Each structure stands twice: as structure tokens, then as C-alpha cells.
PDB file of N, CA and C in Angstrom:
ATOM      1  N   MET A   1    -112.244 -30.616 117.045  1.00  0.00           N
ATOM      2  CA  MET A   1    -111.343 -30.076 115.690  1.00  0.00           C
ATOM      3  C   MET A   1    -110.215 -31.225 116.407  1.00  0.00           C
ATOM      4  N   CYS A   2    -109.674 -31.563 115.090  1.00  0.00           N
ATOM      5  CA  CYS A   2    -107.786 -32.441 115.169  1.00  0.00           C
ATOM      6  C   CYS A   2    -107.551 -31.432 114.470  1.00  0.00           C
ATOM      7  N   LEU A   3    -106.444 -31.461 114.882  1.00  0.00           N
ATOM      8  CA  LEU A   3    -104.957 -30.504 114.286  1.00  0.00           C
ATOM      9  C   LEU A   3    -104.161 -31.858 114.082  1.00  0.00           C
ATOM     10  N   GLY A   4    -103.762 -32.439 112.990  1.00  0.00           N
ATOM     11  CA  GLY A   4    -102.946 -32.808 112.187  1.00  0.00           C
ATOM     12  C   GLY A   4    -101.508 -32.052 111.986  1.00  0.00           C
ATOM     13  N   ILE A   5    -100.228 -32.544 112.268  1.00  0.00           N
ATOM     14  CA  ILE A   5     -99.250 -31.540 111.593  1.00  0.00           C
ATOM     15  C   ILE A   5     -98.050 -32.925 110.912  1.00  0.00           C
ATOM     16  N   PRO A   6     -97.630 -32.228 109.732  1.00  0.00           N
ATOM     17  CA  PRO A   6     -96.829 -33.173 108.650  1.00  0.00           C
ATOM     18  C   PRO A   6     -95.672 -33.376 109.289  1.00  0.00           C
ATOM     19  N   ALA A   7     -94.857 -34.494 109.083  1.00  0.00           N
ATOM     20  CA  ALA A   7     -93.546 -34.694 109.427  1.00  0.00           C
ATOM     21  C   ALA A   7     -93.300 -35.710 108.458  1.00  0.00           C
ATOM     22  N   LYS A   8     -91.635 -35.938 108.575  1.00  0.00           N
ATOM     23  CA  LYS A   8     -91.143 -36.651 108.217  1.00  0.00           C
ATOM     24  C   LYS A   8     -90.732 -38.035 109.036  1.00  0.00           C
ATOM     25  N   VAL A   9     -91.184 -39.074 109.255  1.00  0.00           N
ATOM     26  CA  VAL A   9     -90.205 -39.947 110.012  1.00  0.00           C
ATOM     27  C   VAL A   9     -88.958 -40.061 109.252  1.00  0.00           C
ATOM     28  N   VAL A  10     -87.985 -39.864 110.542  1.00  0.00           N
ATOM     29  CA  VAL A  10     -86.459 -40.311 110.767  1.00  0.00           C
ATOM     30  C   VAL A  10     -85.485 -41.711 110.936  1.00  0.00           C
ATOM     31  N   LYS A  11     -86.485 -42.606 112.161  1.00  0.00           N
ATOM     32  CA  LYS A  11     -85.895 -43.228 112.810  1.00  0.00           C
ATOM     33  C   LYS A  11     -87.265 -43.985 113.631  1.00  0.00           C
ATOM     34  N   ILE A  12     -87.216 -45.905 113.643  1.00  0.00           N
ATOM     35  CA  ILE A  12     -88.471 -46.093 114.153  1.00  0.00           C
ATOM     36  C   ILE A  12     -87.340 -47.052 115.569  1.00  0.00           C
ATOM     37  N   GLU A  13     -87.883 -46.794 116.691  1.00  0.00           N
ATOM     38  CA  GLU A  13     -87.662 -47.830 117.612  1.00  0.00           C
ATOM     39  C   GLU A  13     -89.008 -48.159 118.384  1.00  0.00           C
ATOM     40  N   ASP A  14     -88.458 -49.664 117.948  1.00  0.00           N
ATOM     41  CA  ASP A  14     -89.965 -50.276 118.533  1.00  0.00           C
ATOM     42  C   ASP A  14     -91.315 -49.924 118.138  1.00  0.00           C
ATOM     43  N   ASP A  15     -92.539 -49.111 119.151  1.00  0.00           N
ATOM     44  CA  ASP A  15     -94.033 -48.393 118.652  1.00  0.00           C
ATOM     45  C   ASP A  15     -93.372 -46.836 119.132  1.00  0.00           C
ATOM     46  N   VAL A  16     -92.369 -46.959 118.513  1.00  0.00           N
ATOM     47  CA  VAL A  16     -92.166 -44.975 118.261  1.00  0.00           C
ATOM     48  C   VAL A  16     -91.234 -44.547 117.748  1.00  0.00           C
ATOM     49  N   ALA A  17     -91.523 -43.503 116.954  1.00  0.00           N
ATOM     50  CA  ALA A  17     -90.685 -43.214 115.421  1.00  0.00           C
ATOM     51  C   ALA A  17     -90.227 -41.513 116.100  1.00  0.00           C
ATOM     52  N   ILE A  18     -88.742 -41.451 115.481  1.00  0.00           N
ATOM     53  CA  ILE A  18     -88.322 -39.904 115.802  1.00  0.00           C
ATOM     54  C   ILE A  18     -88.787 -39.365 114.518  1.00  0.00           C
ATOM     55  N   VAL A  19     -89.713 -37.795 114.332  1.00  0.00           N
ATOM     56  CA  VAL A  19     -89.878 -37.463 113.140  1.00  0.00           C
ATOM     57  C   VAL A  19     -89.586 -35.850 113.486  1.00  0.00           C
ATOM     58  N   ASN A  20     -89.519 -35.464 112.067  1.00  0.00           N
ATOM     59  CA  ASN A  20     -88.990 -34.065 111.981  1.00  0.00           C
ATOM     60  C   ASN A  20     -90.040 -33.395 111.659  1.00  0.00           C
ATOM     61  N   TYR A  21     -90.053 -31.830 112.235  1.00  0.00           N
ATOM     62  CA  TYR A  21     -91.028 -30.783 111.903  1.00  0.00           C
ATOM     63  C   TYR A  21     -90.061 -29.808 111.268  1.00  0.00           C
ATOM     64  N   GLY A  22     -89.532 -30.189 109.982  1.00  0.00           N
ATOM     65  CA  GLY A  22     -88.686 -29.050 109.771  1.00  0.00           C
ATOM     66  C   GLY A  22     -87.429 -29.005 110.862  1.00  0.00           C
ATOM     67  N   GLY A  23     -86.969 -29.652 111.560  1.00  0.00           N
ATOM     68  CA  GLY A  23     -85.522 -29.251 111.786  1.00  0.00           C
ATOM     69  C   GLY A  23     -85.766 -29.645 113.377  1.00  0.00           C
ATOM     70  N   VAL A  24     -86.801 -29.488 113.621  1.00  0.00           N
ATOM     71  CA  VAL A  24     -87.438 -30.143 114.929  1.00  0.00           C
ATOM     72  C   VAL A  24     -87.872 -31.679 115.089  1.00  0.00           C
ATOM     73  N   LEU A  25     -86.728 -32.244 115.586  1.00  0.00           N
ATOM     74  CA  LEU A  25     -87.191 -33.578 116.276  1.00  0.00           C
ATOM     75  C   LEU A  25     -88.152 -34.253 117.337  1.00  0.00           C
ATOM     76  N   ARG A  26     -89.152 -34.840 116.919  1.00  0.00           N
ATOM     77  CA  ARG A  26     -89.581 -35.529 118.528  1.00  0.00           C
ATOM     78  C   ARG A  26     -89.748 -36.733 118.412  1.00  0.00           C
ATOM     79  N   LYS A  27     -90.356 -37.334 119.120  1.00  0.00           N
ATOM     80  CA  LYS A  27     -90.428 -38.883 119.757  1.00  0.00           C
ATOM     81  C   LYS A  27     -92.063 -38.541 119.375  1.00  0.00           C
ATOM     82  N   VAL A  28     -92.804 -39.549 118.443  1.00  0.00           N
ATOM     83  CA  VAL A  28     -94.077 -39.984 118.576  1.00  0.00           C
ATOM     84  C   VAL A  28     -94.419 -41.352 118.908  1.00  0.00           C
ATOM     85  N   ASP A  29     -95.836 -42.018 119.034  1.00  0.00           N
ATOM     86  CA  ASP A  29     -96.156 -42.652 118.995  1.00  0.00           C
ATOM     87  C   ASP A  29     -96.403 -43.609 117.359  1.00  0.00           C
ATOM     88  N   ALA A  30     -95.586 -44.599 117.575  1.00  0.00           N
ATOM     89  CA  ALA A  30     -95.797 -45.373 115.861  1.00  0.00           C
ATOM     90  C   ALA A  30     -97.146 -46.320 115.633  1.00  0.00           C
ATOM     91  N   LEU A  31     -97.429 -46.697 117.043  1.00  0.00           N
ATOM     92  CA  LEU A  31     -98.449 -47.702 116.914  1.00  0.00           C
ATOM     93  C   LEU A  31     -99.279 -47.858 116.088  1.00  0.00           C
ATOM     94  N   LEU A  32    -100.366 -46.795 115.978  1.00  0.00           N
ATOM     95  CA  LEU A  32    -101.303 -46.630 115.420  1.00  0.00           C
ATOM     96  C   LEU A  32    -101.195 -47.017 113.502  1.00  0.00           C
ATOM     97  N   VAL A  33     -99.871 -46.704 113.253  1.00  0.00           N
ATOM     98  CA  VAL A  33     -99.858 -46.831 112.214  1.00  0.00           C
ATOM     99  C   VAL A  33     -98.509 -48.065 111.468  1.00  0.00           C
ATOM    100  N   PRO A  34     -98.556 -49.487 112.117  1.00  0.00           N
ATOM    101  CA  PRO A  34     -97.416 -50.313 111.961  1.00  0.00           C
ATOM    102  C   PRO A  34     -96.274 -50.195 110.458  1.00  0.00           C
ATOM    103  N   ASP A  35     -97.270 -49.835 109.410  1.00  0.00           N
ATOM    104  CA  ASP A  35     -96.423 -50.310 108.618  1.00  0.00           C
ATOM    105  C   ASP A  35     -95.961 -48.837 107.885  1.00  0.00           C
ATOM    106  N   ILE A  36     -95.493 -47.886 108.693  1.00  0.00           N
ATOM    107  CA  ILE A  36     -94.707 -46.610 108.464  1.00  0.00           C
ATOM    108  C   ILE A  36     -92.772 -47.155 108.919  1.00  0.00           C
ATOM    109  N   LYS A  37     -91.980 -46.734 107.712  1.00  0.00           N
ATOM    110  CA  LYS A  37     -90.683 -46.708 107.749  1.00  0.00           C
ATOM    111  C   LYS A  37     -90.265 -45.862 108.188  1.00  0.00           C
ATOM    112  N   GLU A  38     -88.681 -45.797 107.961  1.00  0.00           N
ATOM    113  CA  GLU A  38     -87.916 -44.251 107.681  1.00  0.00           C
ATOM    114  C   GLU A  38     -88.026 -43.850 106.003  1.00  0.00           C
ATOM    115  N   GLY A  39     -88.258 -41.929 106.751  1.00  0.00           N
ATOM    116  CA  GLY A  39     -88.135 -41.493 104.901  1.00  0.00           C
ATOM    117  C   GLY A  39     -90.035 -41.484 104.712  1.00  0.00           C
ATOM    118  N   ASP A  40     -90.688 -41.963 105.179  1.00  0.00           N
ATOM    119  CA  ASP A  40     -92.219 -42.111 104.827  1.00  0.00           C
ATOM    120  C   ASP A  40     -92.383 -40.838 105.662  1.00  0.00           C
ATOM    121  N   PHE A  41     -93.711 -40.104 105.046  1.00  0.00           N
ATOM    122  CA  PHE A  41     -94.406 -38.639 105.753  1.00  0.00           C
ATOM    123  C   PHE A  41     -95.677 -38.957 106.448  1.00  0.00           C
ATOM    124  N   VAL A  42     -95.707 -38.640 107.494  1.00  0.00           N
ATOM    125  CA  VAL A  42     -96.475 -38.814 108.239  1.00  0.00           C
ATOM    126  C   VAL A  42     -97.891 -37.696 108.466  1.00  0.00           C
ATOM    127  N   ILE A  43     -98.914 -38.025 109.465  1.00  0.00           N
ATOM    128  CA  ILE A  43     -99.264 -37.209 109.630  1.00  0.00           C
ATOM    129  C   ILE A  43     -99.765 -37.238 111.366  1.00  0.00           C
ATOM    130  N   VAL A  44     -98.921 -36.222 112.322  1.00  0.00           N
ATOM    131  CA  VAL A  44     -98.781 -36.739 113.929  1.00  0.00           C
ATOM    132  C   VAL A  44    -100.326 -35.668 114.562  1.00  0.00           C
ATOM    133  N   HIS A  45    -100.943 -35.892 115.256  1.00  0.00           N
ATOM    134  CA  HIS A  45    -101.808 -35.416 116.536  1.00  0.00           C
ATOM    135  C   HIS A  45    -101.398 -35.588 117.534  1.00  0.00           C
ATOM    136  N   ALA A  46    -101.294 -34.722 118.673  1.00  0.00           N
ATOM    137  CA  ALA A  46    -101.558 -35.746 120.045  1.00  0.00           C
ATOM    138  C   ALA A  46    -100.763 -36.634 120.683  1.00  0.00           C
ATOM    139  N   GLY A  47     -99.325 -36.120 119.654  1.00  0.00           N
ATOM    140  CA  GLY A  47     -98.248 -37.223 120.040  1.00  0.00           C
ATOM    141  C   GLY A  47     -98.110 -38.660 118.843  1.00  0.00           C
ATOM    142  N   ALA A  48     -98.850 -38.655 118.200  1.00  0.00           N
ATOM    143  CA  ALA A  48     -98.747 -39.752 117.686  1.00  0.00           C
ATOM    144  C   ALA A  48     -99.238 -40.036 116.346  1.00  0.00           C
ATOM    145  N   ILE A  49     -98.920 -40.655 115.281  1.00  0.00           N
ATOM    146  CA  ILE A  49     -99.089 -40.965 114.013  1.00  0.00           C
ATOM    147  C   ILE A  49    -100.618 -41.252 113.903  1.00  0.00           C
ATOM    148  N   ILE A  50    -100.956 -40.671 112.763  1.00  0.00           N
ATOM    149  CA  ILE A  50    -102.700 -40.587 112.732  1.00  0.00           C
ATOM    150  C   ILE A  50    -102.477 -41.300 111.372  1.00  0.00           C
ATOM    151  N   ALA A  51    -101.398 -41.183 110.295  1.00  0.00           N
ATOM    152  CA  ALA A  51    -101.642 -41.250 108.718  1.00  0.00           C
ATOM    153  C   ALA A  51    -100.438 -41.032 108.343  1.00  0.00           C
ATOM    154  N   LYS A  52    -100.047 -42.169 107.377  1.00  0.00           N
ATOM    155  CA  LYS A  52     -98.936 -41.864 105.942  1.00  0.00           C
ATOM    156  C   LYS A  52     -99.398 -41.502 104.986  1.00  0.00           C
ATOM    157  N   ILE A  53     -99.260 -40.082 104.563  1.00  0.00           N
ATOM    158  CA  ILE A  53     -99.393 -39.346 103.684  1.00  0.00           C
ATOM    159  C   ILE A  53     -97.985 -39.527 102.290  1.00  0.00           C
ATOM    160  N   ASN A  54     -97.925 -39.155 101.177  1.00  0.00           N
ATOM    161  CA  ASN A  54     -97.331 -39.420 100.140  1.00  0.00           C
ATOM    162  C   ASN A  54     -96.544 -37.896 100.109  1.00  0.00           C
ATOM    163  N   GLU A  55     -95.420 -38.052  99.274  1.00  0.00           N
ATOM    164  CA  GLU A  55     -94.638 -37.022  99.572  1.00  0.00           C
ATOM    165  C   GLU A  55     -94.744 -35.696  99.018  1.00  0.00           C
ATOM    166  N   LYS A  56     -95.960 -35.634  97.751  1.00  0.00           N
ATOM    167  CA  LYS A  56     -96.623 -34.362  97.272  1.00  0.00           C
ATOM    168  C   LYS A  56     -97.299 -34.255  98.648  1.00  0.00           C
ATOM    169  N   GLU A  57     -98.762 -34.477  98.854  1.00  0.00           N
ATOM    170  CA  GLU A  57     -99.342 -33.994  99.966  1.00  0.00           C
ATOM    171  C   GLU A  57     -98.386 -33.727 101.192  1.00  0.00           C
ATOM    172  N   ALA A  58     -97.559 -34.111 101.987  1.00  0.00           N
ATOM    173  CA  ALA A  58     -96.438 -33.235 102.858  1.00  0.00           C
ATOM    174  C   ALA A  58     -96.383 -32.196 102.453  1.00  0.00           C
ATOM    175  N   LYS A  59     -95.786 -31.824 100.767  1.00  0.00           N
ATOM    176  CA  LYS A  59     -94.901 -30.597 100.832  1.00  0.00           C
ATOM    177  C   LYS A  59     -96.343 -30.173 100.619  1.00  0.00           C
ATOM    178  N   GLU A  60     -97.302 -30.125  99.947  1.00  0.00           N
ATOM    179  CA  GLU A  60     -98.409 -28.921 100.287  1.00  0.00           C
ATOM    180  C   GLU A  60     -98.940 -28.608 101.452  1.00  0.00           C
ATOM    181  N   LEU A  61     -99.143 -29.780 102.150  1.00  0.00           N
ATOM    182  CA  LEU A  61     -99.441 -29.368 103.859  1.00  0.00           C
ATOM    183  C   LEU A  61     -98.110 -28.490 104.429  1.00  0.00           C
ATOM    184  N   ILE A  62     -97.069 -28.209 103.905  1.00  0.00           N
ATOM    185  CA  ILE A  62     -96.040 -28.168 104.725  1.00  0.00           C
ATOM    186  C   ILE A  62     -96.188 -26.241 103.840  1.00  0.00           C
ATOM    187  N   SER A  63     -96.303 -26.421 102.719  1.00  0.00           N
ATOM    188  CA  SER A  63     -96.675 -24.985 102.144  1.00  0.00           C
ATOM    189  C   SER A  63     -97.523 -23.965 102.925  1.00  0.00           C
ATOM    190  N   ALA A  64     -98.433 -25.062 102.934  1.00  0.00           N
ATOM    191  CA  ALA A  64     -99.995 -24.489 103.690  1.00  0.00           C
ATOM    192  C   ALA A  64     -99.666 -24.198 105.065  1.00  0.00           C
ATOM    193  N   TRP A  65     -99.016 -24.680 106.003  1.00  0.00           N
ATOM    194  CA  TRP A  65     -98.710 -24.524 107.160  1.00  0.00           C
ATOM    195  C   TRP A  65     -97.667 -23.067 107.052  1.00  0.00           C
ATOM    196  N   GLN A  66     -96.714 -22.962 106.396  1.00  0.00           N
ATOM    197  CA  GLN A  66     -96.024 -21.840 106.062  1.00  0.00           C
ATOM    198  C   GLN A  66     -96.250 -20.616 105.748  1.00  0.00           C
ATOM    199  N   ILE A  67     -97.695 -20.498 105.261  1.00  0.00           N
ATOM    200  CA  ILE A  67     -98.682 -19.555 104.654  1.00  0.00           C
ATOM    201  C   ILE A  67     -99.146 -18.842 106.085  1.00  0.00           C
ATOM    202  N   MET A  68    -100.096 -19.663 106.709  1.00  0.00           N
ATOM    203  CA  MET A  68    -100.726 -19.810 107.745  1.00  0.00           C
ATOM    204  C   MET A  68     -99.939 -19.110 108.793  1.00  0.00           C
ATOM    205  N   LEU A  69     -98.827 -19.305 109.076  1.00  0.00           N
ATOM    206  CA  LEU A  69     -97.505 -19.129 110.367  1.00  0.00           C
ATOM    207  C   LEU A  69     -97.016 -17.769 109.888  1.00  0.00           C
ATOM    208  N   ARG A  70     -97.080 -17.749 108.616  1.00  0.00           N
ATOM    209  CA  ARG A  70     -95.954 -16.102 107.504  1.00  0.00           C
ATOM    210  C   ARG A  70     -97.672 -15.137 108.182  1.00  0.00           C
ATOM    211  N   GLU A  71     -98.484 -15.505 107.875  1.00  0.00           N
ATOM    212  CA  GLU A  71     -99.652 -14.866 108.226  1.00  0.00           C
ATOM    213  C   GLU A  71    -100.165 -14.389 109.595  1.00  0.00           C
ATOM    214  N   SER A  72    -100.317 -15.207 110.025  1.00  0.00           N
ATOM    215  CA  SER A  72    -100.156 -14.605 111.305  1.00  0.00           C
ATOM    216  C   SER A  72     -99.342 -14.503 112.137  1.00  0.00           C
ATOM    217  N   LYS A  73     -98.200 -13.973 111.532  1.00  0.00           N
ATOM    218  CA  LYS A  73     -96.427 -13.386 112.408  1.00  0.00           C
ATOM    219  C   LYS A  73     -96.094 -13.850 113.408  1.00  0.00           C
ATOM    220  N   LEU A  74     -96.706 -15.944 113.483  1.00  0.00           N
ATOM    221  CA  LEU A  74     -95.977 -16.247 113.993  1.00  0.00           C
ATOM    222  C   LEU A  74     -94.599 -17.158 113.649  1.00  0.00           C
ATOM    223  N   GLU A  75     -94.008 -17.668 114.319  1.00  0.00           N
ATOM    224  CA  GLU A  75     -92.590 -17.938 113.889  1.00  0.00           C
ATOM    225  C   GLU A  75     -92.963 -19.380 113.227  1.00  0.00           C
ATOM    226  N   THR A  76     -91.932 -19.846 111.985  1.00  0.00           N
ATOM    227  CA  THR A  76     -92.311 -20.645 111.667  1.00  0.00           C
ATOM    228  C   THR A  76     -91.151 -22.409 112.148  1.00  0.00           C
ATOM    229  N   PHE A  77     -92.144 -23.273 112.301  1.00  0.00           N
ATOM    230  CA  PHE A  77     -91.297 -24.889 112.518  1.00  0.00           C
ATOM    231  C   PHE A  77     -91.191 -25.219 111.240  1.00  0.00           C
ATOM    232  N   PHE A  78     -91.415 -25.258 110.243  1.00  0.00           N
ATOM    233  CA  PHE A  78     -91.050 -26.008 108.825  1.00  0.00           C
ATOM    234  C   PHE A  78     -89.681 -25.006 108.268  1.00  0.00           C
TER     235      PHE A  78
END
């Protein structure tokens, strides 16, 4: 099973992107999706960007994550 997390690209430095998970910034590998740019929404798995998604998809996924985390009584990170 693959667990991909939606994030927004804040900055790109060579093959590394800094992404925002609802206020939490992380460096991730951007080598697999070379056409990303600042402001893009992406899916991150195991420390690497695996796909670029549009803003509508990102908002839907973030909403689903928030519901899942709230229902399981975990703290949200979005």
C-alpha cells in the first residue's frame, strides 16, 4: 500500500523541493517529477514527489485527510 500526502511546493533547489504540509515545511526529493515549480501542488511518498496534482484535487485530498485525522482523534497537520 502506498500512502501519498498532498503538499504545496514552496521552493525548489536543484533536485530538492521544500514543500508545505499545512504549515510544516520539509525537504523532499523532486527528481521523479522534474517539471514542478513553486506554487504547484504535489503528492509526496517516502520523501519523494511522485506526482503533480491540480489545486482542486489538492483541496479535496487535504479535506479528506482532515476528516480522517479528526475522526481518528489524531492531531492534524493540515
